C-alpha atoms as a PDB file:
ATOM      1  CA  UNK A   1    -248.360   9.955  26.437  1.00  0.00           C
ATOM      2  CA  UNK A   2    -245.683  11.015  28.997  1.00  0.00           C
ATOM      3  CA  UNK A   3    -242.110  11.099  28.066  1.00  0.00           C
ATOM      4  CA  UNK A   4    -239.353   9.705  29.833  1.00  0.00           C
ATOM      5  CA  UNK A   5    -238.003  11.970  32.351  1.00  0.00           C
ATOM      6  CA  UNK A   6    -234.090  10.924  31.516  1.00  0.00           C
ATOM      7  CA  UNK A   7    -234.385  11.220  27.843  1.00  0.00           C
ATOM      8  CA  UNK A   8    -232.544  14.555  26.559  1.00  0.00           C
ATOM      9  CA  UNK A   9    -234.261  17.260  23.792  1.00  0.00           C
ATOM     10  CA  UNK A  10    -232.446  17.340  20.758  1.00  0.00           C
ATOM     11  CA  UNK A  11    -233.183  21.097  19.171  1.00  0.00           C
ATOM     12  CA  UNK A  12    -230.454  20.708  16.793  1.00  0.00           C
ATOM     13  CA  UNK A  13    -233.063  20.738  13.901  1.00  0.00           C
ATOM     14  CA  UNK A  14    -235.900  23.053  15.211  1.00  0.00           C
ATOM     15  CA  UNK A  15    -235.692  27.004  15.367  1.00  0.00           C
ATOM     16  CA  UNK A  16    -238.513  29.387  16.795  1.00  0.00           C
ATOM     17  CA  UNK A  17    -239.981  32.660  14.937  1.00  0.00           C
ATOM     18  CA  UNK A  18    -242.658  35.148  15.657  1.00  0.00           C
ATOM     19  CA  UNK A  19    -244.802  37.090  12.997  1.00  0.00           C
ATOM     20  CA  UNK A  20    -246.930  39.611  11.988  1.00  0.00           C
ATOM     21  CA  UNK A  21    -250.208  37.914  12.086  1.00  0.00           C
ATOM     22  CA  UNK A  22    -251.432  39.111   8.979  1.00  0.00           C
ATOM     23  CA  UNK A  23    -254.440  37.427   6.944  1.00  0.00           C
ATOM     24  CA  UNK A  24    -252.368  36.539   3.645  1.00  0.00           C
ATOM     25  CA  UNK A  25    -252.568  32.690   2.952  1.00  0.00           C
ATOM     26  CA  UNK A  26    -250.408  31.490   0.696  1.00  0.00           C
ATOM     27  CA  UNK A  27    -249.906  28.084   0.946  1.00  0.00           C
ATOM     28  CA  UNK A  28    -247.465  27.084  -1.999  1.00  0.00           C
ATOM     29  CA  UNK A  29    -246.632  23.453  -2.072  1.00  0.00           C
ATOM     30  CA  UNK A  30    -247.645  22.853   1.901  1.00  0.00           C
ATOM     31  CA  UNK A  31    -249.261  19.725   2.414  1.00  0.00           C
ATOM     32  CA  UNK A  32    -251.712  18.978   5.043  1.00  0.00           C
ATOM     33  CA  UNK A  33    -252.197  21.823   7.617  1.00  0.00           C
ATOM     34  CA  UNK A  34    -255.515  22.857   5.921  1.00  0.00           C
ATOM     35  CA  UNK A  35    -258.040  21.961   8.548  1.00  0.00           C
ATOM     36  CA  UNK A  36    -258.326  26.058  10.036  1.00  0.00           C
ATOM     37  CA  UNK A  37    -258.707  27.625   6.744  1.00  0.00           C
ATOM     38  CA  UNK A  38    -261.219  25.133   5.791  1.00  0.00           C
ATOM     39  CA  UNK A  39    -263.208  25.217   9.063  1.00  0.00           C
ATOM     40  CA  UNK A  40    -263.183  29.267   9.201  1.00  0.00           C
ATOM     41  CA  UNK A  41    -264.513  28.935   5.398  1.00  0.00           C
ATOM     42  CA  UNK A  42    -266.982  27.089   6.601  1.00  0.00           C
ATOM     43  CA  UNK A  43    -267.822  28.339   9.528  1.00  0.00           C
ATOM     44  CA  UNK A  44    -267.778  32.103   8.462  1.00  0.00           C
ATOM     45  CA  UNK A  45    -265.164  32.702  11.268  1.00  0.00           C
ATOM     46  CA  UNK A  46    -261.917  35.088  11.395  1.00  0.00           C
ATOM     47  CA  UNK A  47    -258.975  32.300  10.989  1.00  0.00           C
ATOM     48  CA  UNK A  48    -256.798  34.898  12.708  1.00  0.00           C
ATOM     49  CA  UNK A  49    -259.145  34.737  15.804  1.00  0.00           C
ATOM     50  CA  UNK A  50    -259.498  31.538  15.901  1.00  0.00           C
ATOM     51  CA  UNK A  51    -255.367  31.120  16.713  1.00  0.00           C
ATOM     52  CA  UNK A  52    -255.493  33.611  18.886  1.00  0.00           C
ATOM     53  CA  UNK A  53    -256.680  31.824  22.035  1.00  0.00           C
ATOM     54  CA  UNK A  54    -255.588  30.601  25.477  1.00  0.00           C
ATOM     55  CA  UNK A  55    -253.530  27.691  25.439  1.00  0.00           C
ATOM     56  CA  UNK A  56    -256.287  24.368  26.588  1.00  0.00           C
ATOM     57  CA  UNK A  57    -254.257  22.980  29.211  1.00  0.00           C
ATOM     58  CA  UNK A  58    -252.812  25.686  31.820  1.00  0.00           C
ATOM     59  CA  UNK A  59    -249.267  23.554  32.449  1.00  0.00           C
ATOM     60  CA  UNK A  60    -248.406  24.151  29.173  1.00  0.00           C
ATOM     61  CA  UNK A  61    -246.457  27.382  28.825  1.00  0.00           C
ATOM     62  CA  UNK A  62    -246.615  29.064  25.092  1.00  0.00           C
ATOM     63  CA  UNK A  63    -245.646  32.451  25.067  1.00  0.00           C
ATOM     64  CA  UNK A  64    -244.408  34.106  22.317  1.00  0.00           C
ATOM     65  CA  UNK A  65    -240.960  33.530  21.462  1.00  0.00           C
ATOM     66  CA  UNK A  66    -240.685  30.429  23.148  1.00  0.00           C
ATOM     67  CA  UNK A  67    -236.970  29.860  23.830  1.00  0.00           C
ATOM     68  CA  UNK A  68    -236.097  26.260  23.026  1.00  0.00           C
ATOM     69  CA  UNK A  69    -232.918  26.200  24.942  1.00  0.00           C
ATOM     70  CA  UNK A  70    -235.353  25.872  27.696  1.00  0.00           C
ATOM     71  CA  UNK A  71    -236.154  22.155  26.059  1.00  0.00           C
ATOM     72  CA  UNK A  72    -233.486  19.926  27.941  1.00  0.00           C
ATOM     73  CA  UNK A  73    -235.077  16.873  28.839  1.00  0.00           C
ATOM     74  CA  UNK A  74    -238.440  14.619  28.739  1.00  0.00           C
ATOM     75  CA  UNK A  75    -239.743  16.256  31.941  1.00  0.00           C
ATOM     76  CA  UNK A  76    -240.021  19.867  30.094  1.00  0.00           C
ATOM     77  CA  UNK A  77    -241.461  17.778  27.565  1.00  0.00           C
ATOM     78  CA  UNK A  78    -244.264  16.899  29.911  1.00  0.00           C
ATOM     79  CA  UNK A  79    -244.528  20.451  31.045  1.00  0.00           C
ATOM     80  CA  UNK A  80    -243.808  22.770  27.897  1.00  0.00           C
ATOM     81  CA  UNK A  81    -245.999  22.209  25.080  1.00  0.00           C
ATOM     82  CA  UNK A  82    -243.401  23.409  22.641  1.00  0.00           C
ATOM     83  CA  UNK A  83    -240.816  21.120  24.143  1.00  0.00           C
ATOM     84  CA  UNK A  84    -243.467  18.275  23.631  1.00  0.00           C
ATOM     85  CA  UNK A  85    -243.661  19.482  20.010  1.00  0.00           C
ATOM     86  CA  UNK A  86    -239.699  19.008  19.470  1.00  0.00           C
ATOM     87  CA  UNK A  87    -239.461  15.958  21.652  1.00  0.00           C
ATOM     88  CA  UNK A  88    -242.159  13.692  19.419  1.00  0.00           C
ATOM     89  CA  UNK A  89    -240.276  14.879  16.671  1.00  0.00           C
ATOM     90  CA  UNK A  90    -237.156  13.389  18.038  1.00  0.00           C
ATOM     91  CA  UNK A  91    -239.170  10.210  18.856  1.00  0.00           C
ATOM     92  CA  UNK A  92    -240.568  10.096  15.297  1.00  0.00           C
ATOM     93  CA  UNK A  93    -237.035  10.286  13.617  1.00  0.00           C
ATOM     94  CA  UNK A  94    -235.774   7.877  15.973  1.00  0.00           C
ATOM     95  CA  UNK A  95    -238.622   5.404  14.988  1.00  0.00           C
ATOM     96  CA  UNK A  96    -237.974   6.253  11.203  1.00  0.00           C
ATOM     97  CA  UNK A  97    -234.318   6.001  11.100  1.00  0.00           C
ATOM     98  CA  UNK A  98    -234.764   2.360  12.311  1.00  0.00           C
ATOM     99  CA  UNK A  99    -237.679   1.749   9.731  1.00  0.00           C
ATOM    100  CA  UNK A 100    -236.369   3.363   6.844  1.00  0.00           C
ATOM    101  CA  UNK A 101    -233.144   3.258   5.054  1.00  0.00           C
ATOM    102  CA  UNK A 102    -231.365   6.917   4.414  1.00  0.00           C
ATOM    103  CA  UNK A 103    -233.858   8.308   6.297  1.00  0.00           C
ATOM    104  CA  UNK A 104    -232.923  12.370   6.830  1.00  0.00           C
ATOM    105  CA  UNK A 105    -234.605  14.105   9.555  1.00  0.00           C
ATOM    106  CA  UNK A 106    -236.897  17.076   8.930  1.00  0.00           C
ATOM    107  CA  UNK A 107    -236.662  20.761  10.103  1.00  0.00           C
ATOM    108  CA  UNK A 108    -238.840  22.224  12.365  1.00  0.00           C
ATOM    109  CA  UNK A 109    -240.535  25.787  12.678  1.00  0.00           C
ATOM    110  CA  UNK A 110    -242.352  26.488  15.517  1.00  0.00           C
ATOM    111  CA  UNK A 111    -243.975  29.947  14.698  1.00  0.00           C
ATOM    112  CA  UNK A 112    -247.223  32.112  15.749  1.00  0.00           C
ATOM    113  CA  UNK A 113    -248.861  34.665  13.743  1.00  0.00           C
ATOM    114  CA  UNK A 114    -247.223  33.907  10.162  1.00  0.00           C
ATOM    115  CA  UNK A 115    -243.890  32.614   8.965  1.00  0.00           C
ATOM    116  CA  UNK A 116    -242.537  32.608   5.349  1.00  0.00           C
ATOM    117  CA  UNK A 117    -241.412  29.295   3.841  1.00  0.00           C
ATOM    118  CA  UNK A 118    -240.205  27.229   0.785  1.00  0.00           C
ATOM    119  CA  UNK A 119    -243.444  26.997  -0.133  1.00  0.00           C
ATOM    120  CA  UNK A 120    -244.402  30.933   0.105  1.00  0.00           C
ATOM    121  CA  UNK A 121    -246.234  32.842   3.137  1.00  0.00           C
ATOM    122  CA  UNK A 122    -248.307  31.084   5.522  1.00  0.00           C
ATOM    123  CA  UNK A 123    -250.187  31.868   8.610  1.00  0.00           C
ATOM    124  CA  UNK A 124    -251.608  30.232  11.649  1.00  0.00           C
ATOM    125  CA  UNK A 125    -254.404  29.882   9.792  1.00  0.00           C
ATOM    126  CA  UNK A 126    -253.580  27.250   8.337  1.00  0.00           C
ATOM    127  CA  UNK A 127    -252.601  24.989  11.229  1.00  0.00           C
ATOM    128  CA  UNK A 128    -249.688  22.592  11.187  1.00  0.00           C
ATOM    129  CA  UNK A 129    -248.245  21.594   7.676  1.00  0.00           C
ATOM    130  CA  UNK A 130    -245.416  20.306   6.142  1.00  0.00           C
ATOM    131  CA  UNK A 131    -243.492  21.937   3.008  1.00  0.00           C
ATOM    132  CA  UNK A 132    -241.398  19.595   0.707  1.00  0.00           C
ATOM    133  CA  UNK A 133    -239.811  22.319  -0.446  1.00  0.00           C
ATOM    134  CA  UNK A 134    -237.650  22.978   2.464  1.00  0.00           C
ATOM    135  CA  UNK A 135    -238.532  19.831   4.229  1.00  0.00           C
ATOM    136  CA  UNK A 136    -239.861  21.401   7.079  1.00  0.00           C
ATOM    137  CA  UNK A 137    -242.637  21.036   9.679  1.00  0.00           C
ATOM    138  CA  UNK A 138    -244.064  23.862  10.683  1.00  0.00           C
ATOM    139  CA  UNK A 139    -246.519  24.299  13.653  1.00  0.00           C
ATOM    140  CA  UNK A 140    -248.299  27.258  15.628  1.00  0.00           C
ATOM    141  CA  UNK A 141    -249.133  25.630  19.278  1.00  0.00           C
ATOM    142  CA  UNK A 142    -252.307  27.356  19.706  1.00  0.00           C
ATOM    143  CA  UNK A 143    -253.729  25.087  16.895  1.00  0.00           C
ATOM    144  CA  UNK A 144    -254.044  22.488  19.710  1.00  0.00           C
ATOM    145  CA  UNK A 145    -256.730  24.605  21.237  1.00  0.00           C
ATOM    146  CA  UNK A 146    -258.342  24.972  18.266  1.00  0.00           C
ATOM    147  CA  UNK A 147    -258.746  21.120  17.939  1.00  0.00           C
ATOM    148  CA  UNK A 148    -260.633  21.215  21.217  1.00  0.00           C
ATOM    149  CA  UNK A 149    -262.765  23.994  21.313  1.00  0.00           C
ATOM    150  CA  UNK A 150    -263.120  24.219  17.424  1.00  0.00           C
ATOM    151  CA  UNK A 151    -263.419  20.616  16.503  1.00  0.00           C
ATOM    152  CA  UNK A 152    -264.352  18.757  19.698  1.00  0.00           C
ATOM    153  CA  UNK A 153    -260.998  16.683  20.271  1.00  0.00           C
ATOM    154  CA  UNK A 154    -260.442  15.278  23.365  1.00  0.00           C
ATOM    155  CA  UNK A 155    -257.253  16.923  23.609  1.00  0.00           C
ATOM    156  CA  UNK A 156    -254.626  15.245  25.956  1.00  0.00           C
ATOM    157  CA  UNK A 157    -250.648  15.333  24.899  1.00  0.00           C
ATOM    158  CA  UNK A 158    -250.886  11.914  22.652  1.00  0.00           C
ATOM    159  CA  UNK A 159    -253.390  14.126  20.291  1.00  0.00           C
ATOM    160  CA  UNK A 160    -250.518  16.835  20.271  1.00  0.00           C
ATOM    161  CA  UNK A 161    -247.945  13.795  19.491  1.00  0.00           C
ATOM    162  CA  UNK A 162    -250.139  12.479  16.699  1.00  0.00           C
ATOM    163  CA  UNK A 163    -250.554  15.659  14.564  1.00  0.00           C
ATOM    164  CA  UNK A 164    -246.482  15.976  14.896  1.00  0.00           C
ATOM    165  CA  UNK A 165    -246.007  12.444  13.877  1.00  0.00           C
ATOM    166  CA  UNK A 166    -248.551  12.735  11.031  1.00  0.00           C
ATOM    167  CA  UNK A 167    -247.020  15.954   9.539  1.00  0.00           C
ATOM    168  CA  UNK A 168    -243.896  13.869   9.803  1.00  0.00           C
ATOM    169  CA  UNK A 169    -245.322  11.430   7.832  1.00  0.00           C
ATOM    170  CA  UNK A 170    -245.507  13.393   5.238  1.00  0.00           C
ATOM    171  CA  UNK A 171    -242.149  13.877   5.061  1.00  0.00           C
ATOM    172  CA  UNK A 172    -241.345  10.223   4.799  1.00  0.00           C
ATOM    173  CA  UNK A 173    -243.669  10.647   1.703  1.00  0.00           C
ATOM    174  CA  UNK A 174    -241.633  13.244   0.553  1.00  0.00           C
ATOM    175  CA  UNK A 175    -238.100  10.841   1.107  1.00  0.00           C
ATOM    176  CA  UNK A 176    -240.214   7.883  -0.686  1.00  0.00           C
ATOM    177  CA  UNK A 177    -240.604  10.150  -3.969  1.00  0.00           C
ATOM    178  CA  UNK A 178    -244.517  10.045  -3.393  1.00  0.00           C
ATOM    179  CA  UNK A 179    -245.666  13.116  -1.915  1.00  0.00           C
ATOM    180  CA  UNK A 180    -246.446  14.649  -5.519  1.00  0.00           C
ATOM    181  CA  UNK A 181    -248.750  12.355  -6.122  1.00  0.00           C
ATOM    182  CA  UNK A 182    -251.508  13.887  -4.065  1.00  0.00           C
ATOM    183  CA  UNK A 183    -251.788  16.404  -6.538  1.00  0.00           C
ATOM    184  CA  UNK A 184    -252.302  14.053  -9.567  1.00  0.00           C
ATOM    185  CA  UNK A 185    -255.646  12.151 -10.706  1.00  0.00           C
ATOM    186  CA  UNK A 186    -258.689  12.582  -9.349  1.00  0.00           C
ATOM    187  CA  UNK A 187    -259.784  14.493  -5.970  1.00  0.00           C
ATOM    188  CA  UNK A 188    -262.553  14.024  -3.553  1.00  0.00           C
ATOM    189  CA  UNK A 189    -263.360  11.090  -1.303  1.00  0.00           C
ATOM    190  CA  UNK A 190    -260.926   8.540  -3.416  1.00  0.00           C
ATOM    191  CA  UNK A 191    -258.714  10.884  -4.698  1.00  0.00           C
ATOM    192  CA  UNK A 192    -254.974  11.388  -4.206  1.00  0.00           C
ATOM    193  CA  UNK A 193    -255.315  14.229  -2.047  1.00  0.00           C
ATOM    194  CA  UNK A 194    -257.234  12.311   0.686  1.00  0.00           C
ATOM    195  CA  UNK A 195    -255.086   8.891   0.229  1.00  0.00           C
ATOM    196  CA  UNK A 196    -251.765  11.280   0.994  1.00  0.00           C
ATOM    197  CA  UNK A 197    -253.668  12.610   4.189  1.00  0.00           C
ATOM    198  CA  UNK A 198    -254.507   9.113   5.118  1.00  0.00           C
ATOM    199  CA  UNK A 199    -251.068   7.567   4.624  1.00  0.00           C
ATOM    200  CA  UNK A 200    -250.034  10.107   7.085  1.00  0.00           C
ATOM    201  CA  UNK A 201    -252.059   9.326   9.461  1.00  0.00           C
ATOM    202  CA  UNK A 202    -251.173   5.605   8.999  1.00  0.00           C
ATOM    203  CA  UNK A 203    -247.569   6.863   9.083  1.00  0.00           C
ATOM    204  CA  UNK A 204    -248.369   8.302  12.473  1.00  0.00           C
ATOM    205  CA  UNK A 205    -249.615   4.987  14.026  1.00  0.00           C
ATOM    206  CA  UNK A 206    -246.547   3.474  12.984  1.00  0.00           C
ATOM    207  CA  UNK A 207    -244.658   5.689  14.883  1.00  0.00           C
ATOM    208  CA  UNK A 208    -247.473   5.260  17.679  1.00  0.00           C
ATOM    209  CA  UNK A 209    -246.286   1.305  17.556  1.00  0.00           C
ATOM    210  CA  UNK A 210    -242.858   1.989  18.483  1.00  0.00           C
ATOM    211  CA  UNK A 211    -243.099   5.123  20.414  1.00  0.00           C
ATOM    212  CA  UNK A 212    -242.675   3.261  23.660  1.00  0.00           C
ATOM    213  CA  UNK A 213    -239.603   1.027  22.850  1.00  0.00           C
ATOM    214  CA  UNK A 214    -237.162   2.898  20.884  1.00  0.00           C
ATOM    215  CA  UNK A 215    -234.533   4.130  22.698  1.00  0.00           C
ATOM    216  CA  UNK A 216    -232.360   7.395  22.482  1.00  0.00           C
ATOM    217  CA  UNK A 217    -228.587   6.631  21.418  1.00  0.00           C
ATOM    218  CA  UNK A 218    -227.381   8.711  23.616  1.00  0.00           C
ATOM    219  CA  UNK A 219    -229.303   8.343  26.958  1.00  0.00           C
ATOM    220  CA  UNK A 220    -230.459   4.453  26.684  1.00  0.00           C
ATOM    221  CA  UNK A 221    -233.884   5.067  27.875  1.00  0.00           C
ATOM    222  CA  UNK A 222    -237.110   5.127  25.874  1.00  0.00           C
ATOM    223  CA  UNK A 223    -237.886   8.162  24.249  1.00  0.00           C
ATOM    224  CA  UNK A 224    -241.345   8.067  25.639  1.00  0.00           C
ATOM    225  CA  UNK A 225    -243.626   5.690  28.421  1.00  0.00           C
ATOM    226  CA  UNK A 226    -245.990   2.918  27.614  1.00  0.00           C
ATOM    227  CA  UNK A 227    -248.835   4.081  25.797  1.00  0.00           C
ATOM    228  CA  UNK A 228    -252.374   4.089  28.416  1.00  0.00           C
ATOM    229  CA  UNK A 229    -255.662   3.292  26.573  1.00  0.00           C
ATOM    230  CA  UNK A 230    -256.392   6.903  27.266  1.00  0.00           C
ATOM    231  CA  UNK A 231    -253.525   7.753  24.745  1.00  0.00           C
ATOM    232  CA  UNK A 232    -254.921   6.006  22.561  1.00  0.00           C
ATOM    233  CA  UNK A 233    -258.323   7.350  23.134  1.00  0.00           C
ATOM    234  CA  UNK A 234    -256.728  10.873  22.771  1.00  0.00           C
ATOM    235  CA  UNK A 235    -255.218   9.921  18.975  1.00  0.00           C
ATOM    236  CA  UNK A 236    -258.445   8.730  18.043  1.00  0.00           C
ATOM    237  CA  UNK A 237    -260.651  11.559  19.073  1.00  0.00           C
ATOM    238  CA  UNK A 238    -257.911  13.712  17.116  1.00  0.00           C
ATOM    239  CA  UNK A 239    -258.539  11.917  14.046  1.00  0.00           C
ATOM    240  CA  UNK A 240    -261.518  12.056  14.215  1.00  0.00           C
ATOM    241  CA  UNK A 241    -262.329  15.725  14.651  1.00  0.00           C
ATOM    242  CA  UNK A 242    -260.567  16.705  11.843  1.00  0.00           C
ATOM    243  CA  UNK A 243    -262.301  14.368   9.343  1.00  0.00           C
ATOM    244  CA  UNK A 244    -263.604  16.316   6.449  1.00  0.00           C
ATOM    245  CA  UNK A 245    -267.428  14.654   6.853  1.00  0.00           C
ATOM    246  CA  UNK A 246    -267.496  15.914  10.340  1.00  0.00           C
ATOM    247  CA  UNK A 247    -266.171  19.419   9.666  1.00  0.00           C
ATOM    248  CA  UNK A 248    -268.629  19.361   6.797  1.00  0.00           C
ATOM    249  CA  UNK A 249    -271.803  18.302   8.930  1.00  0.00           C
ATOM    250  CA  UNK A 250    -271.029  20.847  11.619  1.00  0.00           C
ATOM    251  CA  UNK A 251    -270.874  23.796   9.391  1.00  0.00           C
ATOM    252  CA  UNK A 252    -273.302  23.250   6.905  1.00  0.00           C
ATOM    253  CA  UNK A 253    -275.485  20.129   7.942  1.00  0.00           C
ATOM    254  CA  UNK A 254    -274.478  18.445   4.783  1.00  0.00           C
ATOM    255  CA  UNK A 255    -271.621  16.168   3.530  1.00  0.00           C
ATOM    256  CA  UNK A 256    -269.779  16.408   0.027  1.00  0.00           C
ATOM    257  CA  UNK A 257    -267.739  13.918  -0.373  1.00  0.00           C
ATOM    258  CA  UNK A 258    -266.544  15.228  -3.704  1.00  0.00           C
ATOM    259  CA  UNK A 259    -264.651  18.277  -1.988  1.00  0.00           C
ATOM    260  CA  UNK A 260    -262.823  16.119   0.545  1.00  0.00           C
ATOM    261  CA  UNK A 261    -259.461  16.832   0.939  1.00  0.00           C
ATOM    262  CA  UNK A 262    -258.202  14.422   3.977  1.00  0.00           C
ATOM    263  CA  UNK A 263    -260.767  11.633   4.515  1.00  0.00           C
ATOM    264  CA  UNK A 264    -263.588  11.316   6.883  1.00  0.00           C
ATOM    265  CA  UNK A 265    -263.068  10.905  10.647  1.00  0.00           C
ATOM    266  CA  UNK A 266    -264.029   6.926  10.523  1.00  0.00           C
ATOM    267  CA  UNK A 267    -261.167   6.460   7.635  1.00  0.00           C
ATOM    268  CA  UNK A 268    -258.596   8.532  10.021  1.00  0.00           C
ATOM    269  CA  UNK A 269    -259.039   6.412  12.682  1.00  0.00           C
ATOM    270  CA  UNK A 270    -258.940   3.298  10.776  1.00  0.00           C
ATOM    271  CA  UNK A 271    -255.762   4.649   9.206  1.00  0.00           C
ATOM    272  CA  UNK A 272    -254.167   5.513  12.020  1.00  0.00           C
ATOM    273  CA  UNK A 273    -255.417   2.010  13.729  1.00  0.00           C
ATOM    274  CA  UNK A 274    -253.947   0.052  10.844  1.00  0.00           C
ATOM    275  CA  UNK A 275    -250.570   1.570  11.090  1.00  0.00           C
ATOM    276  CA  UNK A 276    -250.349   1.446  15.189  1.00  0.00           C
ATOM    277  CA  UNK A 277    -251.531  -2.276  15.420  1.00  0.00           C
ATOM    278  CA  UNK A 278    -248.817  -3.310  12.527  1.00  0.00           C
ATOM    279  CA  UNK A 279    -246.108  -0.899  12.807  1.00  0.00           C
ATOM    280  CA  UNK A 280    -245.799  -1.599   9.131  1.00  0.00           C
ATOM    281  CA  UNK A 281    -245.400   0.912   6.659  1.00  0.00           C
ATOM    282  CA  UNK A 282    -246.085  -1.472   3.845  1.00  0.00           C
ATOM    283  CA  UNK A 283    -249.619  -1.898   5.393  1.00  0.00           C
ATOM    284  CA  UNK A 284    -250.126   2.120   4.718  1.00  0.00           C
ATOM    285  CA  UNK A 285    -250.427   1.474   0.797  1.00  0.00           C
ATOM    286  CA  UNK A 286    -253.410   3.749   1.009  1.00  0.00           C
ATOM    287  CA  UNK A 287    -252.752   4.440  -3.271  1.00  0.00           C
ATOM    288  CA  UNK A 288    -253.452   1.032  -4.178  1.00  0.00           C
ATOM    289  CA  UNK A 289    -256.712   0.323  -1.533  1.00  0.00           C
ATOM    290  CA  UNK A 290    -259.778  -0.449  -3.215  1.00  0.00           C
ATOM    291  CA  UNK A 291    -261.379   0.302  -0.345  1.00  0.00           C
ATOM    292  CA  UNK A 292    -260.313   3.438   2.058  1.00  0.00           C
ATOM    293  CA  UNK A 293    -262.532   2.610   5.261  1.00  0.00           C
END
């Protein structure tokens, strides 16, 4: 999905930081973003090495210590992956501001190596994640390369935007007062942890439904151009590539639903599609669903 060049990027709730690249992983209350660590444990690889690869798209400037003052317009979002992440956050905020009473924006932190959060210290090995304690979504943009090289995603800008919208979906859950349910009750394929992640996928789909029609108040232009079929394929590919069953099958040759944390590839695609087709957050009640897909 391409950003309209006339939109203006708001970086007021975003920040960047470098890191020391240590391997201590303390996730605290972070929800989501366990994908790199999960795969690293199964594949027996150094997660620090995974996240140090070069960017998958030579059009993306992913230099350490990226200066967000470079992020001004939609044209910058179409050029620099960091600007794309921030601009996507702007778009997601605008959609949920219209859909949800008393919506408040989360913070966003772009980091490399490691970062201190309200949920404790974390490294790039955990991938993107949301911390409900400080209401901040954390992104190391090298993760988008990992989606392609380690998880087989087709890549593309909209795959990246889906990841941002998913983490912002956890912020919506925090505002709704339901994110704590992820740690309650049974776990595994039908547990609340999986239901929490699938609902965030559905919320990402809700954003996609409105992304090209919601206009920026300051400029009067839509944040994004209309979705193409390729955009949707890229999002579905990203959702499928990080399904628990796909990761387990590739790593061990076996699938163990009792250990699932995020849902199967088919489930993740189903719930994203549900949100995208309906645009209705009420259709994303995975906690009441008898059949998750």
